[in-house]
């Protein structure tokens, strides 16, 4: 698509790192976060491991809300906490 920026190849790894950092910063277990975001623990394990392929946009938004960070904080380079 003309004018659209390319997707960074490190996005899944960055997302996983930022989710884990935010989760631990809040003192949450994977099970706690799964409950709060209404996501499966196995999916969160995959996301934190750098494989976010199973996470859709709605899930990403629920995850950001549960961690009290903007979506940009999870996918951006900046520390979400």
C-alpha atoms as a PDB file:
ATOM      1  CA  UNK A   1       0.000   0.000   0.000  1.00  0.00           C
ATOM      2  CA  UNK A   2       1.545   3.330  -1.003  1.00  0.00           C
ATOM      3  CA  UNK A   3       2.448   5.590   1.884  1.00  0.00           C
ATOM      4  CA  UNK A   4       2.161   2.954   4.597  1.00  0.00           C
ATOM      5  CA  UNK A   5       5.138   2.253   6.807  1.00  0.00           C
ATOM      6  CA  UNK A   6       6.632  -1.236   6.791  1.00  0.00           C
ATOM      7  CA  UNK A   7       5.956  -3.438   9.809  1.00  0.00           C
ATOM      8  CA  UNK A   8       9.109  -3.779  11.916  1.00  0.00           C
ATOM      9  CA  UNK A   9      10.414  -7.325  11.923  1.00  0.00           C
ATOM     10  CA  UNK A  10      11.113  -7.173  15.659  1.00  0.00           C
ATOM     11  CA  UNK A  11       7.508  -6.271  16.540  1.00  0.00           C
ATOM     12  CA  UNK A  12       6.522  -9.686  18.018  1.00  0.00           C
ATOM     13  CA  UNK A  13       9.650  -9.792  20.172  1.00  0.00           C
ATOM     14  CA  UNK A  14       9.173  -6.174  21.262  1.00  0.00           C
ATOM     15  CA  UNK A  15       5.502  -6.806  22.093  1.00  0.00           C
ATOM     16  CA  UNK A  16       6.428  -9.834  24.180  1.00  0.00           C
ATOM     17  CA  UNK A  17       9.149  -7.980  26.055  1.00  0.00           C
ATOM     18  CA  UNK A  18       6.876  -5.022  26.791  1.00  0.00           C
ATOM     19  CA  UNK A  19       3.949  -7.203  27.902  1.00  0.00           C
ATOM     20  CA  UNK A  20       6.183  -9.149  30.275  1.00  0.00           C
ATOM     21  CA  UNK A  21       7.774  -5.983  31.666  1.00  0.00           C
ATOM     22  CA  UNK A  22       4.375  -4.368  32.275  1.00  0.00           C
ATOM     23  CA  UNK A  23       2.907  -7.542  33.789  1.00  0.00           C
ATOM     24  CA  UNK A  24       5.785  -8.032  36.194  1.00  0.00           C
ATOM     25  CA  UNK A  25       5.768  -4.329  37.035  1.00  0.00           C
ATOM     26  CA  UNK A  26       2.192  -4.753  38.231  1.00  0.00           C
ATOM     27  CA  UNK A  27       3.052  -7.934  40.134  1.00  0.00           C
ATOM     28  CA  UNK A  28       0.715 -10.045  38.003  1.00  0.00           C
ATOM     29  CA  UNK A  29       1.083 -13.710  37.181  1.00  0.00           C
ATOM     30  CA  UNK A  30       0.259 -14.968  33.701  1.00  0.00           C
ATOM     31  CA  UNK A  31      -2.943 -16.403  35.145  1.00  0.00           C
ATOM     32  CA  UNK A  32      -3.885 -13.018  36.650  1.00  0.00           C
ATOM     33  CA  UNK A  33      -3.318 -11.256  33.347  1.00  0.00           C
ATOM     34  CA  UNK A  34      -5.170 -13.935  31.395  1.00  0.00           C
ATOM     35  CA  UNK A  35      -8.186 -13.433  33.651  1.00  0.00           C
ATOM     36  CA  UNK A  36      -8.054  -9.630  33.492  1.00  0.00           C
ATOM     37  CA  UNK A  37      -7.647  -9.556  29.698  1.00  0.00           C
ATOM     38  CA  UNK A  38      -9.950 -12.522  29.020  1.00  0.00           C
ATOM     39  CA  UNK A  39      -7.167 -14.295  27.128  1.00  0.00           C
ATOM     40  CA  UNK A  40      -5.774 -17.804  27.306  1.00  0.00           C
ATOM     41  CA  UNK A  41      -2.627 -18.367  29.373  1.00  0.00           C
ATOM     42  CA  UNK A  42      -1.080 -20.318  26.494  1.00  0.00           C
ATOM     43  CA  UNK A  43      -1.595 -17.332  24.193  1.00  0.00           C
ATOM     44  CA  UNK A  44       0.048 -15.002  26.713  1.00  0.00           C
ATOM     45  CA  UNK A  45       2.988 -17.401  27.023  1.00  0.00           C
ATOM     46  CA  UNK A  46       3.365 -17.321  23.252  1.00  0.00           C
ATOM     47  CA  UNK A  47       3.105 -13.519  23.139  1.00  0.00           C
ATOM     48  CA  UNK A  48       5.705 -13.067  25.872  1.00  0.00           C
ATOM     49  CA  UNK A  49       7.907 -15.551  24.026  1.00  0.00           C
ATOM     50  CA  UNK A  50       7.854 -13.385  20.908  1.00  0.00           C
ATOM     51  CA  UNK A  51       5.097 -15.166  18.981  1.00  0.00           C
ATOM     52  CA  UNK A  52       2.079 -12.888  18.898  1.00  0.00           C
ATOM     53  CA  UNK A  53       0.555 -14.471  15.786  1.00  0.00           C
ATOM     54  CA  UNK A  54      -2.531 -15.662  17.682  1.00  0.00           C
ATOM     55  CA  UNK A  55      -3.250 -12.256  19.194  1.00  0.00           C
ATOM     56  CA  UNK A  56      -5.836 -10.246  17.276  1.00  0.00           C
ATOM     57  CA  UNK A  57      -6.475  -6.514  17.566  1.00  0.00           C
ATOM     58  CA  UNK A  58      -9.292  -6.960  20.087  1.00  0.00           C
ATOM     59  CA  UNK A  59      -7.015  -9.126  22.239  1.00  0.00           C
ATOM     60  CA  UNK A  60      -4.224  -6.577  22.005  1.00  0.00           C
ATOM     61  CA  UNK A  61      -6.627  -3.856  23.169  1.00  0.00           C
ATOM     62  CA  UNK A  62      -7.862  -5.998  26.088  1.00  0.00           C
ATOM     63  CA  UNK A  63      -4.266  -6.755  27.017  1.00  0.00           C
ATOM     64  CA  UNK A  64      -3.320  -3.066  27.002  1.00  0.00           C
ATOM     65  CA  UNK A  65      -6.379  -2.210  29.093  1.00  0.00           C
ATOM     66  CA  UNK A  66      -5.591  -4.959  31.623  1.00  0.00           C
ATOM     67  CA  UNK A  67      -2.022  -3.677  31.928  1.00  0.00           C
ATOM     68  CA  UNK A  68      -3.191  -0.046  32.071  1.00  0.00           C
ATOM     69  CA  UNK A  69      -0.942   1.013  29.195  1.00  0.00           C
ATOM     70  CA  UNK A  70      -1.756   2.345  25.736  1.00  0.00           C
ATOM     71  CA  UNK A  71      -1.470  -0.096  22.840  1.00  0.00           C
ATOM     72  CA  UNK A  72       1.401   2.032  21.572  1.00  0.00           C
ATOM     73  CA  UNK A  73       3.217   1.334  24.827  1.00  0.00           C
ATOM     74  CA  UNK A  74       3.067  -2.386  24.114  1.00  0.00           C
ATOM     75  CA  UNK A  75       4.168  -2.255  20.487  1.00  0.00           C
ATOM     76  CA  UNK A  76       6.424   0.786  20.607  1.00  0.00           C
ATOM     77  CA  UNK A  77      10.054   1.020  21.575  1.00  0.00           C
ATOM     78  CA  UNK A  78       9.297   2.996  24.693  1.00  0.00           C
ATOM     79  CA  UNK A  79       9.092   1.280  28.059  1.00  0.00           C
ATOM     80  CA  UNK A  80       5.343   0.877  28.784  1.00  0.00           C
ATOM     81  CA  UNK A  81       5.789   1.463  32.529  1.00  0.00           C
END
